[in-house]
Amino acid sequence: EISKGGKDFEFEVSVEVMPEFEPADAKKMSVTRPVAEIEDAQVEEALAELAAQNKSYKEKTAKTAKAEDGDLVVIDFVGKIDGEAFDGGSATDARVAIGDGAFIPGFEEQLIGAKAGEERELKVTFPKDYNAKHLAGKEAIFETTVKSIEAPAETKIDDELAKNFGLEDLAALKDALKKRFEREHNSQSRLRAKRDLLDQLDAAHQFDLPPSMVEQEFATIWQEVSHAIEHGHLEDEDKDKSEDELKAEYRAIAERRVRLGLVLAKIGQGANVQVTQEEVSRAINAEAQKYPGQERQVVEFFQKNPNAVGQIRAPIYEEKVVDYILELAKVTDKKVSREALFEDEDEAPAKPAKNAAAKKAPAKKAAAKKDDAKADTKKAPAKKAATSKKDDGDKPAAKKKAPAKKAAAKKKS
């Protein structure tokens, strides 16, 4: 307000003050790290999966031979709706493995009993949620010519299988698989130790949180939850909850993320933890590799957007602070089975640190693909990720990945 004399000017300013607190002493913390040994049965199971996924086929030459479930049928087809061919509905020498589920429902099954040289009309209905909306829910006829039928041949687990992956022999393949499992185990063990650590840090610190930080964090999370609700990706346990109940739960998660973010930042500052430009550059390049053919555009995007660089830097900083704490804390290894190491992925309590990077735990079973060249570089396929407030110890409410686009006849392009 301005005084009557016009000489004095008084005003009030409200600002949020960062909380003052003393972070927990890392040297006094005790963390449990579950570890699991690599078992021979685990490697043998992976070998069996590799063999199953890389099976070969042998043509059925008998004139009376008919296609059966599990056979591979080579066909030409033209898809029509109301008598008119549609874009993307035709193919030549398409290889259809009956029973694989790679094509829209009903397509593969109608090839059972077909003979080489036979022409068939396959009547199907595109799913209502089909990605190509102009085809969704519509009935179609695929005019099909069967060119050949191949039966699956036994794929032996031997040196030849290993050579398919660019490895010298079966022993090398087994060693590569074992190393991959070791990486998976080490990553999961570290993740579980981090969960324990974040649990303790959250329990050990109670202070008032800046409201604007909580609101910003909650807004980010709720946007993801709303997206999940809209697309039917909400966790089963949350589907029967009211919006008010969901908001209360996710607000608590936002508060926890902010609290842990402030705690980790305080500890990191005290330890003078730094993120180097080289580390940021490596992370940006890794992100760019996710977009083949657009790497330069991705890098340029980060160069022009400091906030985006901050989002890359934050999880690196967090991991370095966690490493620092684990180095000082008393870490006790606890031997568990592989199943126990990877169990409770869904039931595990959320460990949300602010701006934490979402990382998926490797799937329990992971067979390498042939085009990955070497089995030891194969990453385990990611588990299906529904929007969740109980992700993996880093970021609850991770966005669900968009489904892959489907080709007109296939589910997988």
Protein backbone atom coordinates (compact mmCIF):
# COMPACT_ATOMS: atom_id res chain seq x y z
CA GLU A 1 0.00 0.00 0.00
CA ILE A 2 1.07 3.65 -0.51
CA SER A 3 0.99 6.02 2.45
CA LYS A 4 -1.06 9.21 2.27
CA GLY A 5 2.02 11.32 2.02
CA GLY A 6 3.09 9.45 -1.06
CA LYS A 7 6.58 8.97 0.27
CA ASP A 8 6.55 5.44 1.61
CA PHE A 9 5.76 2.33 -0.41
CA GLU A 10 4.96 -0.86 1.44
CA PHE A 11 4.25 -4.25 -0.10
CA GLU A 12 4.04 -7.88 0.92
CA VAL A 13 5.64 -10.78 -0.92
CA SER A 14 4.89 -14.43 -0.28
CA VAL A 15 7.62 -16.86 -1.18
CA GLU A 16 8.11 -20.55 -0.61
CA VAL A 17 11.11 -21.42 1.48
CA MET A 18 12.99 -24.64 0.90
CA PRO A 19 12.83 -26.81 4.00
CA GLU A 20 15.78 -26.95 6.35
CA PHE A 21 16.67 -30.43 7.54
CA GLU A 22 19.64 -32.58 8.42
CA PRO A 23 19.91 -35.57 6.06
CA ALA A 24 20.36 -39.06 7.45
CA ASP A 25 23.92 -40.26 7.97
CA ALA A 26 24.65 -42.76 5.20
CA LYS A 27 27.28 -44.48 7.34
CA LYS A 28 24.61 -45.43 9.86
CA MET A 29 22.28 -47.00 7.30
CA SER A 30 21.92 -50.75 6.75
CA VAL A 31 20.67 -51.94 3.38
CA THR A 32 19.71 -55.46 2.31
CA ARG A 33 20.65 -56.49 -1.21
CA PRO A 34 19.10 -59.76 -2.49
CA VAL A 35 21.37 -61.80 -4.75
CA ALA A 36 20.65 -64.94 -6.77
CA GLU A 37 23.02 -67.40 -8.39
CA ILE A 38 22.78 -68.39 -12.04
CA GLU A 39 21.52 -71.95 -12.23
CA ASP A 40 22.23 -74.44 -15.02
CA ALA A 41 18.49 -75.04 -15.42
CA GLN A 42 18.04 -71.35 -16.12
CA VAL A 43 20.52 -71.48 -18.99
CA GLU A 44 19.03 -74.71 -20.36
CA GLU A 45 15.56 -73.18 -20.31
CA ALA A 46 16.82 -70.17 -22.24
CA LEU A 47 18.46 -72.47 -24.80
CA ALA A 48 15.17 -74.30 -25.28
CA GLU A 49 13.42 -70.99 -25.88
CA LEU A 50 16.05 -69.94 -28.39
CA ALA A 51 15.55 -73.20 -30.26
CA ALA A 52 11.77 -72.80 -30.22
CA GLN A 53 11.91 -69.23 -31.47
CA ASN A 54 14.40 -70.03 -34.21
CA LYS A 55 12.78 -73.16 -35.55
CA SER A 56 13.24 -74.11 -39.16
CA TYR A 57 10.65 -75.44 -41.57
CA LYS A 58 10.63 -78.14 -44.23
CA GLU A 59 8.28 -78.00 -47.20
CA LYS A 60 5.51 -80.56 -47.43
CA THR A 61 5.85 -81.93 -50.95
CA ALA A 62 3.02 -84.47 -50.99
CA LYS A 63 0.10 -83.33 -53.14
CA THR A 64 -2.34 -84.35 -50.42
CA ALA A 65 -0.49 -82.47 -47.69
CA LYS A 66 -2.70 -80.07 -45.77
CA ALA A 67 -1.81 -77.14 -43.57
CA GLU A 68 -1.96 -77.83 -39.85
CA ASP A 69 -1.70 -75.74 -36.74
CA GLY A 70 1.97 -74.84 -36.33
CA ASP A 71 2.75 -75.06 -40.04
CA LEU A 72 4.12 -72.16 -42.04
CA VAL A 73 2.02 -71.32 -45.10
CA VAL A 74 3.33 -69.15 -47.94
CA ILE A 75 0.48 -67.21 -49.53
CA ASP A 76 -0.49 -64.35 -51.80
CA PHE A 77 -3.54 -62.40 -50.71
CA VAL A 78 -5.70 -59.44 -51.62
CA GLY A 79 -7.97 -57.96 -48.98
CA LYS A 80 -11.30 -56.44 -49.99
CA ILE A 81 -14.06 -54.57 -48.20
CA ASP A 82 -17.41 -54.38 -49.99
CA GLY A 83 -15.68 -55.83 -53.04
CA GLU A 84 -13.02 -53.12 -53.20
CA ALA A 85 -9.33 -53.73 -52.45
CA PHE A 86 -7.94 -51.47 -49.73
CA ASP A 87 -4.48 -50.04 -49.17
CA GLY A 88 -2.16 -52.29 -47.19
CA GLY A 89 -4.43 -55.29 -47.61
CA SER A 90 -2.36 -57.15 -50.19
CA ALA A 91 0.86 -59.14 -50.06
CA THR A 92 2.91 -61.58 -52.10
CA ASP A 93 4.78 -64.55 -50.65
CA ALA A 94 3.57 -63.74 -47.16
CA ARG A 95 4.79 -66.29 -44.62
CA VAL A 96 2.03 -67.13 -42.16
CA ALA A 97 2.88 -69.28 -39.14
CA ILE A 98 -0.48 -70.74 -38.16
CA GLY A 99 -1.06 -70.30 -34.47
CA ASP A 100 1.46 -67.51 -33.92
CA GLY A 101 -1.27 -64.90 -33.73
CA ALA A 102 0.62 -62.47 -35.94
CA PHE A 103 -2.43 -61.80 -38.12
CA ILE A 104 -5.86 -60.51 -37.17
CA PRO A 105 -8.16 -62.98 -35.39
CA GLY A 106 -9.57 -65.67 -37.65
CA PHE A 107 -7.10 -65.19 -40.49
CA GLU A 108 -4.61 -67.93 -39.64
CA GLU A 109 -7.17 -70.48 -38.48
CA GLN A 110 -8.94 -70.46 -41.85
CA LEU A 111 -5.77 -71.68 -43.53
CA ILE A 112 -5.88 -74.98 -41.64
CA GLY A 113 -6.66 -77.78 -44.07
CA ALA A 114 -5.55 -75.84 -47.13
CA LYS A 115 -3.38 -77.47 -49.81
CA ALA A 116 -0.63 -75.99 -51.97
CA GLY A 117 -2.16 -74.39 -55.07
CA GLU A 118 -5.55 -73.95 -53.42
CA GLU A 119 -7.42 -70.67 -53.48
CA ARG A 120 -9.41 -69.66 -50.42
CA GLU A 121 -11.51 -66.75 -49.31
CA LEU A 122 -10.83 -65.84 -45.71
CA LYS A 123 -13.64 -63.91 -44.06
CA VAL A 124 -12.57 -61.83 -41.09
CA THR A 125 -13.69 -58.86 -39.03
CA PHE A 126 -11.17 -56.24 -38.03
CA PRO A 127 -11.07 -55.63 -34.26
CA LYS A 128 -13.00 -52.58 -33.08
CA ASP A 129 -9.82 -51.17 -31.56
CA TYR A 130 -7.79 -51.70 -34.74
CA ASN A 131 -5.18 -48.98 -35.22
CA ALA A 132 -6.26 -48.21 -38.77
CA LYS A 133 -9.55 -46.59 -37.82
CA HIS A 134 -10.98 -46.76 -41.36
CA LEU A 135 -10.79 -50.57 -41.05
CA ALA A 136 -11.77 -50.96 -37.40
CA GLY A 137 -14.82 -53.17 -36.92
CA LYS A 138 -15.30 -53.79 -40.64
CA GLU A 139 -15.78 -57.15 -42.32
CA ALA A 140 -13.28 -58.08 -45.00
CA ILE A 141 -12.59 -60.90 -47.41
CA PHE A 142 -9.03 -61.92 -48.22
CA GLU A 143 -8.71 -63.70 -51.55
CA THR A 144 -5.83 -66.05 -50.84
CA THR A 145 -3.66 -68.34 -52.93
CA VAL A 146 -1.68 -70.98 -51.05
CA LYS A 147 1.74 -71.35 -52.69
CA SER A 148 3.43 -73.80 -50.33
CA ILE A 149 3.13 -75.43 -46.93
CA GLU A 150 6.04 -76.03 -44.58
CA ALA A 151 6.08 -78.15 -41.44
CA PRO A 152 8.21 -77.18 -38.45
CA ALA A 153 11.45 -79.13 -38.20
CA GLU A 154 13.21 -79.88 -34.95
CA THR A 155 15.77 -77.26 -34.05
CA LYS A 156 18.62 -78.93 -32.24
CA ILE A 157 20.46 -77.25 -29.41
CA ASP A 158 23.94 -77.57 -30.83
CA ASP A 159 26.83 -75.65 -32.35
CA GLU A 160 24.74 -74.80 -35.41
CA LEU A 161 22.20 -72.99 -33.26
CA ALA A 162 25.01 -70.98 -31.69
CA LYS A 163 26.36 -70.05 -35.12
CA ASN A 164 22.97 -68.57 -35.99
CA PHE A 165 23.78 -65.95 -33.36
CA GLY A 166 27.30 -65.33 -34.59
CA LEU A 167 28.91 -67.43 -31.87
CA GLU A 168 31.52 -70.11 -32.34
CA ASP A 169 29.84 -73.04 -30.63
CA LEU A 170 27.27 -74.12 -28.05
CA ALA A 171 29.66 -73.50 -25.17
CA ALA A 172 30.06 -69.89 -26.28
CA LEU A 173 26.29 -69.50 -26.49
CA LYS A 174 25.84 -70.87 -22.98
CA ASP A 175 28.52 -68.52 -21.69
CA ALA A 176 26.84 -65.56 -23.42
CA LEU A 177 23.50 -66.45 -21.86
CA LYS A 178 25.08 -66.81 -18.44
CA LYS A 179 26.69 -63.39 -18.73
CA ARG A 180 23.39 -61.87 -19.76
CA PHE A 181 21.66 -63.40 -16.76
CA GLU A 182 24.44 -62.09 -14.52
CA ARG A 183 23.82 -58.58 -15.82
CA GLU A 184 20.10 -58.97 -15.22
CA HIS A 185 20.67 -60.27 -11.69
CA ASN A 186 23.14 -57.53 -10.83
CA SER A 187 20.79 -54.86 -12.15
CA GLN A 188 17.84 -56.27 -10.22
CA SER A 189 19.88 -56.69 -7.03
CA ARG A 190 20.95 -53.08 -7.21
CA LEU A 191 17.37 -52.02 -7.87
CA ARG A 192 16.08 -53.90 -4.84
CA ALA A 193 18.84 -52.40 -2.68
CA LYS A 194 17.84 -48.97 -3.94
CA ARG A 195 14.24 -49.68 -3.00
CA ASP A 196 15.28 -50.54 0.53
CA LEU A 197 17.44 -47.43 0.70
CA LEU A 198 14.69 -45.10 -0.51
CA ASP A 199 12.23 -46.66 1.91
CA GLN A 200 14.56 -45.85 4.78
CA LEU A 201 15.29 -42.33 3.57
CA ASP A 202 11.59 -41.59 3.25
CA ALA A 203 10.87 -42.90 6.75
CA ALA A 204 13.78 -40.98 8.26
CA HIS A 205 12.79 -37.53 7.00
CA GLN A 206 9.70 -35.57 7.92
CA PHE A 207 9.52 -31.90 6.97
CA ASP A 208 7.13 -29.48 5.32
CA LEU A 209 7.19 -29.72 1.55
CA PRO A 210 6.97 -26.72 -0.80
CA PRO A 211 3.32 -26.82 -1.99
CA SER A 212 4.14 -25.72 -5.53
CA MET A 213 6.62 -28.58 -5.97
CA VAL A 214 4.05 -31.09 -4.77
CA GLU A 215 1.38 -29.63 -7.05
CA GLN A 216 3.70 -29.72 -10.05
CA GLU A 217 4.67 -33.33 -9.34
CA PHE A 218 1.06 -34.37 -8.78
CA ALA A 219 -0.02 -32.68 -12.02
CA THR A 220 2.57 -34.70 -13.93
CA ILE A 221 1.49 -37.95 -12.32
CA TRP A 222 -2.22 -37.27 -12.68
CA GLN A 223 -1.82 -36.50 -16.36
CA GLU A 224 -0.39 -39.99 -16.79
CA VAL A 225 -3.13 -41.55 -14.68
CA SER A 226 -5.81 -39.72 -16.67
CA HIS A 227 -4.26 -41.04 -19.87
CA ALA A 228 -4.40 -44.56 -18.43
CA ILE A 229 -8.05 -44.14 -17.43
CA GLU A 230 -8.96 -42.82 -20.87
CA HIS A 231 -7.28 -45.72 -22.67
CA GLY A 232 -8.25 -48.48 -20.26
CA HIS A 233 -4.73 -49.07 -18.97
CA LEU A 234 -5.36 -48.46 -15.30
CA GLU A 235 -4.14 -51.08 -12.84
CA ASP A 236 -6.75 -53.68 -11.93
CA GLU A 237 -6.54 -52.75 -8.26
CA ASP A 238 -7.38 -49.14 -9.11
CA LYS A 239 -10.28 -49.71 -11.51
CA ASP A 240 -12.95 -49.79 -8.79
CA LYS A 241 -11.65 -46.74 -6.94
CA SER A 242 -13.26 -43.34 -7.13
CA GLU A 243 -11.43 -40.38 -8.60
CA ASP A 244 -11.08 -38.88 -5.13
CA GLU A 245 -9.48 -42.09 -3.83
CA LEU A 246 -7.07 -42.22 -6.75
CA LYS A 247 -6.12 -38.57 -6.34
CA ALA A 248 -5.43 -39.08 -2.64
CA GLU A 249 -3.15 -42.05 -3.36
CA TYR A 250 -1.26 -40.38 -6.17
CA ARG A 251 -0.91 -37.13 -4.23
CA ALA A 252 0.80 -39.12 -1.48
CA ILE A 253 3.13 -40.48 -4.14
CA ALA A 254 3.83 -36.95 -5.40
CA GLU A 255 4.71 -35.88 -1.86
CA ARG A 256 7.04 -38.83 -1.51
CA ARG A 257 8.76 -38.09 -4.79
CA VAL A 258 9.35 -34.49 -3.77
CA ARG A 259 10.57 -35.49 -0.30
CA LEU A 260 13.02 -38.05 -1.64
CA GLY A 261 14.17 -35.68 -4.35
CA LEU A 262 15.02 -33.02 -1.76
CA VAL A 263 16.75 -35.55 0.49
CA LEU A 264 18.88 -36.96 -2.31
CA ALA A 265 19.73 -33.47 -3.52
CA LYS A 266 20.82 -32.45 -0.01
CA ILE A 267 23.02 -35.52 0.36
CA GLY A 268 24.45 -35.04 -3.12
CA GLN A 269 25.31 -31.42 -2.44
CA GLY A 270 27.05 -32.35 0.78
CA ALA A 271 29.08 -34.98 -1.04
CA ASN A 272 29.77 -32.65 -3.99
CA VAL A 273 28.25 -35.14 -6.42
CA GLN A 274 28.55 -33.82 -9.97
CA VAL A 275 27.20 -34.89 -13.35
CA THR A 276 29.75 -34.38 -16.11
CA GLN A 277 28.96 -33.12 -19.58
CA GLU A 278 30.34 -36.39 -20.92
CA GLU A 279 27.76 -38.34 -18.90
CA VAL A 280 24.96 -36.12 -20.18
CA SER A 281 26.17 -36.48 -23.77
CA ARG A 282 26.25 -40.26 -23.46
CA ALA A 283 22.71 -40.26 -22.12
CA ILE A 284 21.49 -38.00 -24.92
CA ASN A 285 23.15 -40.20 -27.53
CA ALA A 286 21.57 -43.26 -25.93
CA GLU A 287 18.19 -41.56 -26.13
CA ALA A 288 18.80 -40.64 -29.76
CA GLN A 289 19.55 -44.26 -30.62
CA LYS A 290 15.96 -45.10 -29.74
CA TYR A 291 14.85 -43.20 -32.84
CA PRO A 292 16.67 -44.71 -35.86
CA GLY A 293 17.02 -42.23 -38.68
CA GLN A 294 16.16 -39.29 -36.43
CA GLU A 295 19.24 -39.26 -34.24
CA ARG A 296 20.39 -35.82 -35.37
CA GLN A 297 16.97 -34.28 -34.76
CA VAL A 298 16.87 -35.74 -31.25
CA VAL A 299 20.31 -34.37 -30.40
CA GLU A 300 19.37 -30.96 -31.81
CA PHE A 301 16.20 -30.99 -29.72
CA PHE A 302 18.22 -31.38 -26.54
CA GLN A 303 20.68 -28.73 -27.67
CA LYS A 304 17.82 -26.25 -28.02
CA ASN A 305 15.92 -27.26 -24.88
CA PRO A 306 17.75 -26.84 -21.56
CA ASN A 307 14.75 -28.21 -19.66
CA ALA A 308 14.95 -31.44 -21.63
CA VAL A 309 18.64 -31.69 -20.81
CA GLY A 310 17.70 -31.25 -17.17
CA GLN A 311 15.38 -34.22 -17.42
CA ILE A 312 18.29 -36.26 -18.76
CA ARG A 313 20.69 -35.00 -16.11
CA ALA A 314 18.38 -35.57 -13.11
CA PRO A 315 18.27 -39.39 -13.15
CA ILE A 316 22.04 -39.54 -13.68
CA TYR A 317 22.51 -37.34 -10.63
CA GLU A 318 20.11 -39.46 -8.60
CA GLU A 319 21.88 -42.70 -9.45
CA LYS A 320 25.24 -41.20 -8.52
CA VAL A 321 23.88 -40.07 -5.16
CA VAL A 322 22.40 -43.52 -4.54
CA ASP A 323 25.76 -45.07 -5.41
CA TYR A 324 27.46 -42.70 -2.97
CA ILE A 325 25.09 -43.69 -0.16
CA LEU A 326 25.43 -47.41 -0.88
CA GLU A 327 29.21 -47.11 -0.74
CA LEU A 328 29.00 -45.69 2.80
CA ALA A 329 26.10 -47.74 4.11
CA LYS A 330 26.36 -51.26 5.47
CA VAL A 331 25.10 -53.42 2.61
CA THR A 332 24.27 -57.03 3.45
CA ASP A 333 23.82 -59.54 0.65
CA LYS A 334 20.96 -61.98 1.11
CA LYS A 335 20.92 -65.11 -1.06
CA VAL A 336 17.55 -65.72 -2.69
CA SER A 337 16.21 -67.66 -5.65
CA ARG A 338 15.86 -66.03 -9.06
CA GLU A 339 12.09 -66.13 -8.61
CA ALA A 340 12.38 -64.31 -5.29
CA LEU A 341 14.74 -61.75 -6.78
CA PHE A 342 12.22 -60.78 -9.44
CA GLU A 343 9.01 -61.37 -7.50
CA ASP A 344 6.64 -58.74 -6.18
CA GLU A 345 7.34 -56.38 -9.06
CA ASP A 346 3.71 -55.29 -8.91
CA GLU A 347 3.30 -55.48 -5.14
CA ALA A 348 6.49 -53.63 -4.27
CA PRO A 349 5.88 -50.27 -2.58
CA ALA A 350 6.46 -47.20 -4.67
CA LYS A 351 9.87 -45.63 -4.27
CA PRO A 352 9.41 -42.37 -6.16
CA ALA A 353 12.37 -40.03 -6.21
CA LYS A 354 11.82 -36.73 -7.93
CA ASN A 355 12.70 -36.85 -11.61
CA ALA A 356 13.80 -40.44 -11.25
CA ALA A 357 14.30 -42.38 -14.45
CA ALA A 358 11.85 -45.21 -15.08
CA LYS A 359 13.64 -48.50 -15.59
CA LYS A 360 11.92 -51.81 -16.23
CA ALA A 361 13.15 -54.95 -14.60
CA PRO A 362 14.22 -57.59 -17.11
CA ALA A 363 11.70 -60.30 -17.78
CA LYS A 364 12.33 -63.63 -16.12
CA LYS A 365 12.51 -65.44 -19.44
CA ALA A 366 14.33 -63.84 -22.31
CA ALA A 367 15.18 -65.59 -25.53
CA ALA A 368 17.49 -63.82 -27.94
CA LYS A 369 16.36 -62.98 -31.43
CA LYS A 370 18.26 -64.20 -34.43
CA ASP A 371 18.85 -60.72 -35.81
CA ASP A 372 20.50 -59.56 -32.60
CA ALA A 373 23.71 -61.21 -33.88
CA LYS A 374 25.09 -62.17 -30.50
CA ALA A 375 23.13 -63.55 -27.61
CA ASP A 376 25.19 -61.73 -25.01
CA THR A 377 23.98 -58.40 -26.30
CA LYS A 378 20.32 -59.39 -26.21
CA LYS A 379 18.18 -57.44 -23.79
CA ALA A 380 15.34 -59.15 -21.99
CA PRO A 381 11.96 -58.18 -23.41
CA ALA A 382 10.27 -55.59 -21.27
CA LYS A 383 7.25 -56.60 -19.25
CA LYS A 384 3.95 -55.04 -20.26
CA ALA A 385 3.79 -51.75 -18.42
CA ALA A 386 0.42 -50.49 -17.37
CA THR A 387 0.38 -47.10 -15.74
CA SER A 388 1.39 -47.90 -12.21
CA LYS A 389 2.09 -46.16 -8.96
CA LYS A 390 4.29 -49.13 -8.05
CA ASP A 391 6.80 -49.19 -10.84
CA ASP A 392 10.30 -50.24 -9.92
CA GLY A 393 11.58 -48.00 -7.23
CA ASP A 394 12.12 -45.01 -9.43
CA LYS A 395 9.01 -43.54 -10.92
CA PRO A 396 5.46 -44.64 -10.05
CA ALA A 397 2.80 -43.78 -12.62
CA ALA A 398 5.00 -44.43 -15.63
CA LYS A 399 3.32 -43.74 -18.93
CA LYS A 400 2.08 -46.77 -20.80
CA LYS A 401 3.84 -47.23 -24.09
CA ALA A 402 1.75 -46.66 -27.18
CA PRO A 403 0.79 -49.90 -28.91
CA ALA A 404 2.62 -50.72 -32.09
CA LYS A 405 0.79 -49.91 -35.28
CA LYS A 406 -0.82 -52.85 -37.05
CA ALA A 407 -0.60 -53.55 -40.74
CA ALA A 408 -3.88 -54.12 -42.54
CA ALA A 409 -3.83 -57.90 -42.32
CA LYS A 410 -1.17 -58.34 -39.66
CA LYS A 411 -1.16 -57.36 -36.05
CA LYS A 412 2.58 -56.80 -36.30
CA SER A 413 4.07 -54.77 -39.08
